[in-house]
Amino acid sequence: MLFKKESVLRHIRRHHPACPDFAAEYFANEVAARRWSDASLGKAVGIVMQTYLRHNMTDYDTLLLMGLNKDAARKRVQPRINAMIAHWSRKRTIDD
């Protein structure tokens, strides 16, 4: 299934209103560029957000290089990812 960028952006803005605009644009482009089989729009957005945050906003790749297996490294970084997504799920404030 293909998702249109505009639909993805609406979904992100509805469910993750504090997600920075530049990040929402990036995620929307990533989701829209792929063909998704058996994934809802919400699941596709979640996969892209999780993957981006894991590889770019945590020490996941460093943990792998240090010898941790994927499962252990994911378990270690998941609380940080969850916190970032939870923050984005809050209403925007004047400081966002």
N, C-alpha and C. Protein backbone atom coordinates (compact mmCIF):
# COMPACT_ATOMS: atom_id res chain seq x y z
N MET A 1 0.84 -1.17 0.00
CA MET A 1 0.00 0.00 0.00
C MET A 1 0.89 1.24 0.00
N LEU A 2 0.50 2.21 -0.77
CA LEU A 2 1.20 3.49 -0.80
C LEU A 2 0.37 4.52 -0.04
N PHE A 3 1.04 5.36 0.72
CA PHE A 3 0.38 6.44 1.44
C PHE A 3 0.83 7.76 0.85
N LYS A 4 -0.10 8.67 0.67
CA LYS A 4 0.24 9.99 0.14
C LYS A 4 0.86 10.83 1.25
N LYS A 5 1.84 11.62 0.85
CA LYS A 5 2.56 12.45 1.82
C LYS A 5 1.61 13.33 2.64
N GLU A 6 0.61 13.91 1.99
CA GLU A 6 -0.32 14.80 2.68
C GLU A 6 -1.09 14.05 3.77
N SER A 7 -1.48 12.81 3.48
CA SER A 7 -2.19 11.99 4.46
C SER A 7 -1.28 11.65 5.65
N VAL A 8 -0.03 11.38 5.34
CA VAL A 8 0.93 11.05 6.39
C VAL A 8 1.14 12.27 7.29
N LEU A 9 1.32 13.44 6.67
CA LEU A 9 1.51 14.67 7.45
C LEU A 9 0.30 14.94 8.35
N ARG A 10 -0.90 14.76 7.83
CA ARG A 10 -2.10 14.96 8.65
C ARG A 10 -2.10 13.99 9.84
N HIS A 11 -1.74 12.75 9.58
CA HIS A 11 -1.70 11.76 10.65
C HIS A 11 -0.68 12.18 11.72
N ILE A 12 0.51 12.57 11.30
CA ILE A 12 1.56 12.96 12.25
C ILE A 12 1.11 14.18 13.05
N ARG A 13 0.56 15.15 12.38
CA ARG A 13 0.13 16.37 13.09
C ARG A 13 -1.02 16.09 14.07
N ARG A 14 -1.86 15.12 13.75
CA ARG A 14 -2.98 14.77 14.63
C ARG A 14 -2.50 13.96 15.83
N HIS A 15 -1.62 12.99 15.59
CA HIS A 15 -1.22 12.07 16.65
C HIS A 15 0.09 12.45 17.35
N HIS A 16 0.87 13.29 16.71
CA HIS A 16 2.17 13.73 17.27
C HIS A 16 2.31 15.24 17.08
N PRO A 17 1.40 16.01 17.68
CA PRO A 17 1.38 17.45 17.41
C PRO A 17 2.63 18.21 17.80
N ALA A 18 3.42 17.68 18.72
CA ALA A 18 4.65 18.39 19.12
C ALA A 18 5.86 17.95 18.31
N CYS A 19 5.66 17.06 17.33
CA CYS A 19 6.77 16.66 16.46
C CYS A 19 7.20 17.88 15.66
N PRO A 20 8.48 18.20 15.66
CA PRO A 20 8.95 19.38 14.91
C PRO A 20 8.56 19.26 13.43
N ASP A 21 8.26 20.39 12.82
CA ASP A 21 7.83 20.40 11.42
C ASP A 21 8.84 19.73 10.49
N PHE A 22 10.13 20.00 10.71
CA PHE A 22 11.14 19.41 9.82
C PHE A 22 11.15 17.89 9.95
N ALA A 23 10.91 17.38 11.17
CA ALA A 23 10.89 15.93 11.39
C ALA A 23 9.62 15.33 10.78
N ALA A 24 8.49 16.01 10.94
CA ALA A 24 7.24 15.53 10.35
C ALA A 24 7.37 15.43 8.83
N GLU A 25 8.00 16.41 8.22
CA GLU A 25 8.23 16.39 6.77
C GLU A 25 9.11 15.20 6.39
N TYR A 26 10.19 15.00 7.13
CA TYR A 26 11.09 13.89 6.85
C TYR A 26 10.34 12.55 6.97
N PHE A 27 9.62 12.37 8.07
CA PHE A 27 8.90 11.11 8.28
C PHE A 27 7.84 10.90 7.19
N ALA A 28 7.13 11.97 6.83
CA ALA A 28 6.11 11.85 5.79
C ALA A 28 6.73 11.43 4.46
N ASN A 29 7.86 12.02 4.12
CA ASN A 29 8.55 11.64 2.88
C ASN A 29 8.98 10.19 2.92
N GLU A 30 9.51 9.75 4.04
CA GLU A 30 9.96 8.36 4.18
C GLU A 30 8.81 7.37 4.05
N VAL A 31 7.71 7.66 4.73
CA VAL A 31 6.55 6.76 4.67
C VAL A 31 5.99 6.73 3.25
N ALA A 32 5.85 7.90 2.63
CA ALA A 32 5.26 7.98 1.29
C ALA A 32 6.15 7.34 0.22
N ALA A 33 7.43 7.23 0.48
CA ALA A 33 8.36 6.68 -0.52
C ALA A 33 8.37 5.16 -0.56
N ARG A 34 7.73 4.52 0.41
CA ARG A 34 7.76 3.05 0.50
C ARG A 34 6.41 2.44 0.16
N ARG A 35 6.48 1.21 -0.29
CA ARG A 35 5.26 0.40 -0.45
C ARG A 35 5.13 -0.43 0.82
N TRP A 36 4.01 -0.32 1.48
CA TRP A 36 3.78 -0.99 2.76
C TRP A 36 2.81 -2.14 2.54
N SER A 37 3.20 -3.34 2.97
CA SER A 37 2.27 -4.47 2.89
C SER A 37 1.78 -4.78 4.30
N ASP A 38 0.48 -4.85 4.43
CA ASP A 38 -0.15 -5.19 5.71
C ASP A 38 0.19 -4.22 6.83
N ALA A 39 0.37 -2.95 6.52
CA ALA A 39 0.65 -1.96 7.56
C ALA A 39 -0.35 -0.82 7.43
N SER A 40 -0.95 -0.45 8.54
CA SER A 40 -1.81 0.73 8.55
C SER A 40 -0.93 1.97 8.49
N LEU A 41 -1.54 3.09 8.25
CA LEU A 41 -0.79 4.35 8.23
C LEU A 41 -0.10 4.58 9.57
N GLY A 42 -0.82 4.34 10.65
CA GLY A 42 -0.23 4.53 11.98
C GLY A 42 0.96 3.62 12.22
N LYS A 43 0.85 2.38 11.79
CA LYS A 43 1.96 1.44 11.97
C LYS A 43 3.16 1.87 11.12
N ALA A 44 2.91 2.30 9.90
CA ALA A 44 4.01 2.75 9.02
C ALA A 44 4.73 3.95 9.63
N VAL A 45 3.96 4.91 10.14
CA VAL A 45 4.57 6.09 10.78
C VAL A 45 5.38 5.64 12.00
N GLY A 46 4.82 4.75 12.79
CA GLY A 46 5.52 4.27 13.98
C GLY A 46 6.83 3.58 13.64
N ILE A 47 6.82 2.76 12.61
CA ILE A 47 8.05 2.06 12.19
C ILE A 47 9.11 3.06 11.77
N VAL A 48 8.72 4.04 10.95
CA VAL A 48 9.69 5.03 10.47
C VAL A 48 10.23 5.87 11.62
N MET A 49 9.35 6.31 12.51
CA MET A 49 9.81 7.11 13.66
C MET A 49 10.76 6.30 14.54
N GLN A 50 10.35 5.09 14.88
CA GLN A 50 11.18 4.24 15.74
C GLN A 50 12.56 4.01 15.12
N THR A 51 12.57 3.68 13.84
CA THR A 51 13.84 3.39 13.17
C THR A 51 14.74 4.62 13.14
N TYR A 52 14.16 5.76 12.77
CA TYR A 52 14.96 6.99 12.72
C TYR A 52 15.53 7.32 14.10
N LEU A 53 14.67 7.32 15.10
CA LEU A 53 15.13 7.68 16.45
C LEU A 53 16.17 6.69 16.95
N ARG A 54 15.96 5.40 16.72
CA ARG A 54 16.91 4.39 17.18
C ARG A 54 18.31 4.64 16.61
N HIS A 55 18.38 4.91 15.32
CA HIS A 55 19.68 5.03 14.66
C HIS A 55 20.30 6.42 14.76
N ASN A 56 19.48 7.44 14.98
CA ASN A 56 20.01 8.81 14.95
C ASN A 56 19.98 9.56 16.27
N MET A 57 19.17 9.08 17.22
CA MET A 57 19.02 9.83 18.46
C MET A 57 19.39 9.01 19.70
N THR A 58 19.94 7.82 19.48
CA THR A 58 20.39 6.99 20.60
C THR A 58 21.76 6.42 20.27
N ASP A 59 22.31 5.68 21.23
CA ASP A 59 23.61 5.04 21.01
C ASP A 59 23.46 3.60 20.53
N TYR A 60 22.34 3.29 19.88
CA TYR A 60 22.05 1.94 19.41
C TYR A 60 23.18 1.37 18.55
N ASP A 61 23.61 2.10 17.54
CA ASP A 61 24.65 1.59 16.64
C ASP A 61 25.97 1.39 17.37
N THR A 62 26.28 2.26 18.30
CA THR A 62 27.49 2.10 19.11
C THR A 62 27.40 0.84 19.96
N LEU A 63 26.24 0.60 20.53
CA LEU A 63 26.05 -0.61 21.33
C LEU A 63 26.26 -1.87 20.48
N LEU A 64 25.79 -1.84 19.24
CA LEU A 64 26.01 -2.98 18.35
C LEU A 64 27.50 -3.17 18.08
N LEU A 65 28.20 -2.06 17.84
CA LEU A 65 29.64 -2.13 17.59
C LEU A 65 30.41 -2.63 18.80
N MET A 66 29.85 -2.41 19.99
CA MET A 66 30.50 -2.87 21.22
C MET A 66 30.20 -4.34 21.51
N GLY A 67 29.36 -4.96 20.66
CA GLY A 67 29.12 -6.38 20.80
C GLY A 67 27.76 -6.80 21.32
N LEU A 68 26.90 -5.83 21.68
CA LEU A 68 25.55 -6.20 22.11
C LEU A 68 24.78 -6.73 20.91
N ASN A 69 23.91 -7.70 21.15
CA ASN A 69 23.08 -8.16 20.04
C ASN A 69 21.93 -7.18 19.85
N LYS A 70 21.22 -7.31 18.72
CA LYS A 70 20.15 -6.37 18.38
C LYS A 70 19.10 -6.26 19.48
N ASP A 71 18.67 -7.40 20.00
CA ASP A 71 17.60 -7.38 21.00
C ASP A 71 18.02 -6.63 22.26
N ALA A 72 19.23 -6.89 22.73
CA ALA A 72 19.72 -6.23 23.94
C ALA A 72 19.91 -4.73 23.70
N ALA A 73 20.43 -4.37 22.52
CA ALA A 73 20.63 -2.95 22.21
C ALA A 73 19.29 -2.24 22.09
N ARG A 74 18.33 -2.87 21.43
CA ARG A 74 17.00 -2.26 21.31
C ARG A 74 16.35 -2.07 22.67
N LYS A 75 16.47 -3.07 23.52
CA LYS A 75 15.89 -2.97 24.86
C LYS A 75 16.50 -1.82 25.64
N ARG A 76 17.80 -1.63 25.47
CA ARG A 76 18.48 -0.57 26.21
C ARG A 76 18.06 0.82 25.74
N VAL A 77 17.83 1.01 24.43
CA VAL A 77 17.52 2.35 23.92
C VAL A 77 16.02 2.65 23.85
N GLN A 78 15.18 1.63 23.98
CA GLN A 78 13.73 1.82 23.81
C GLN A 78 13.13 2.85 24.77
N PRO A 79 13.55 2.93 26.04
CA PRO A 79 12.97 3.97 26.90
C PRO A 79 13.19 5.39 26.37
N ARG A 80 14.33 5.66 25.81
CA ARG A 80 14.60 6.98 25.24
C ARG A 80 13.69 7.25 24.04
N ILE A 81 13.54 6.24 23.18
CA ILE A 81 12.67 6.38 22.01
C ILE A 81 11.23 6.62 22.47
N ASN A 82 10.78 5.84 23.43
CA ASN A 82 9.42 6.00 23.96
C ASN A 82 9.21 7.40 24.52
N ALA A 83 10.22 7.92 25.21
CA ALA A 83 10.11 9.27 25.80
C ALA A 83 10.00 10.33 24.71
N MET A 84 10.78 10.19 23.64
CA MET A 84 10.71 11.17 22.55
C MET A 84 9.36 11.14 21.86
N ILE A 85 8.85 9.94 21.59
CA ILE A 85 7.56 9.82 20.93
C ILE A 85 6.45 10.32 21.85
N ALA A 86 6.55 10.04 23.14
CA ALA A 86 5.56 10.54 24.10
C ALA A 86 5.57 12.07 24.13
N HIS A 87 6.74 12.66 24.08
CA HIS A 87 6.84 14.12 24.05
C HIS A 87 6.15 14.68 22.80
N TRP A 88 6.40 14.06 21.66
CA TRP A 88 5.79 14.51 20.41
C TRP A 88 4.28 14.33 20.42
N SER A 89 3.78 13.42 21.24
CA SER A 89 2.35 13.14 21.27
C SER A 89 1.57 14.15 22.11
N ARG A 90 2.28 14.98 22.85
CA ARG A 90 1.63 16.03 23.65
C ARG A 90 1.21 17.17 22.73
N LYS A 91 0.26 17.97 23.22
CA LYS A 91 -0.11 19.18 22.48
C LYS A 91 1.09 20.11 22.40
N ARG A 92 1.17 20.83 21.31
CA ARG A 92 2.24 21.83 21.20
C ARG A 92 2.03 22.93 22.22
N THR A 93 3.15 23.43 22.73
CA THR A 93 3.10 24.58 23.64
C THR A 93 3.84 25.73 22.99
N ILE A 94 3.81 26.85 23.63
CA ILE A 94 4.48 28.04 23.09
C ILE A 94 5.99 27.81 22.96
N ASP A 95 6.54 26.90 23.79
CA ASP A 95 7.98 26.64 23.77
C ASP A 95 8.39 25.66 22.67
N ASP A 96 7.45 24.95 22.07
CA ASP A 96 7.77 23.95 21.02
C ASP A 96 8.09 24.61 19.71
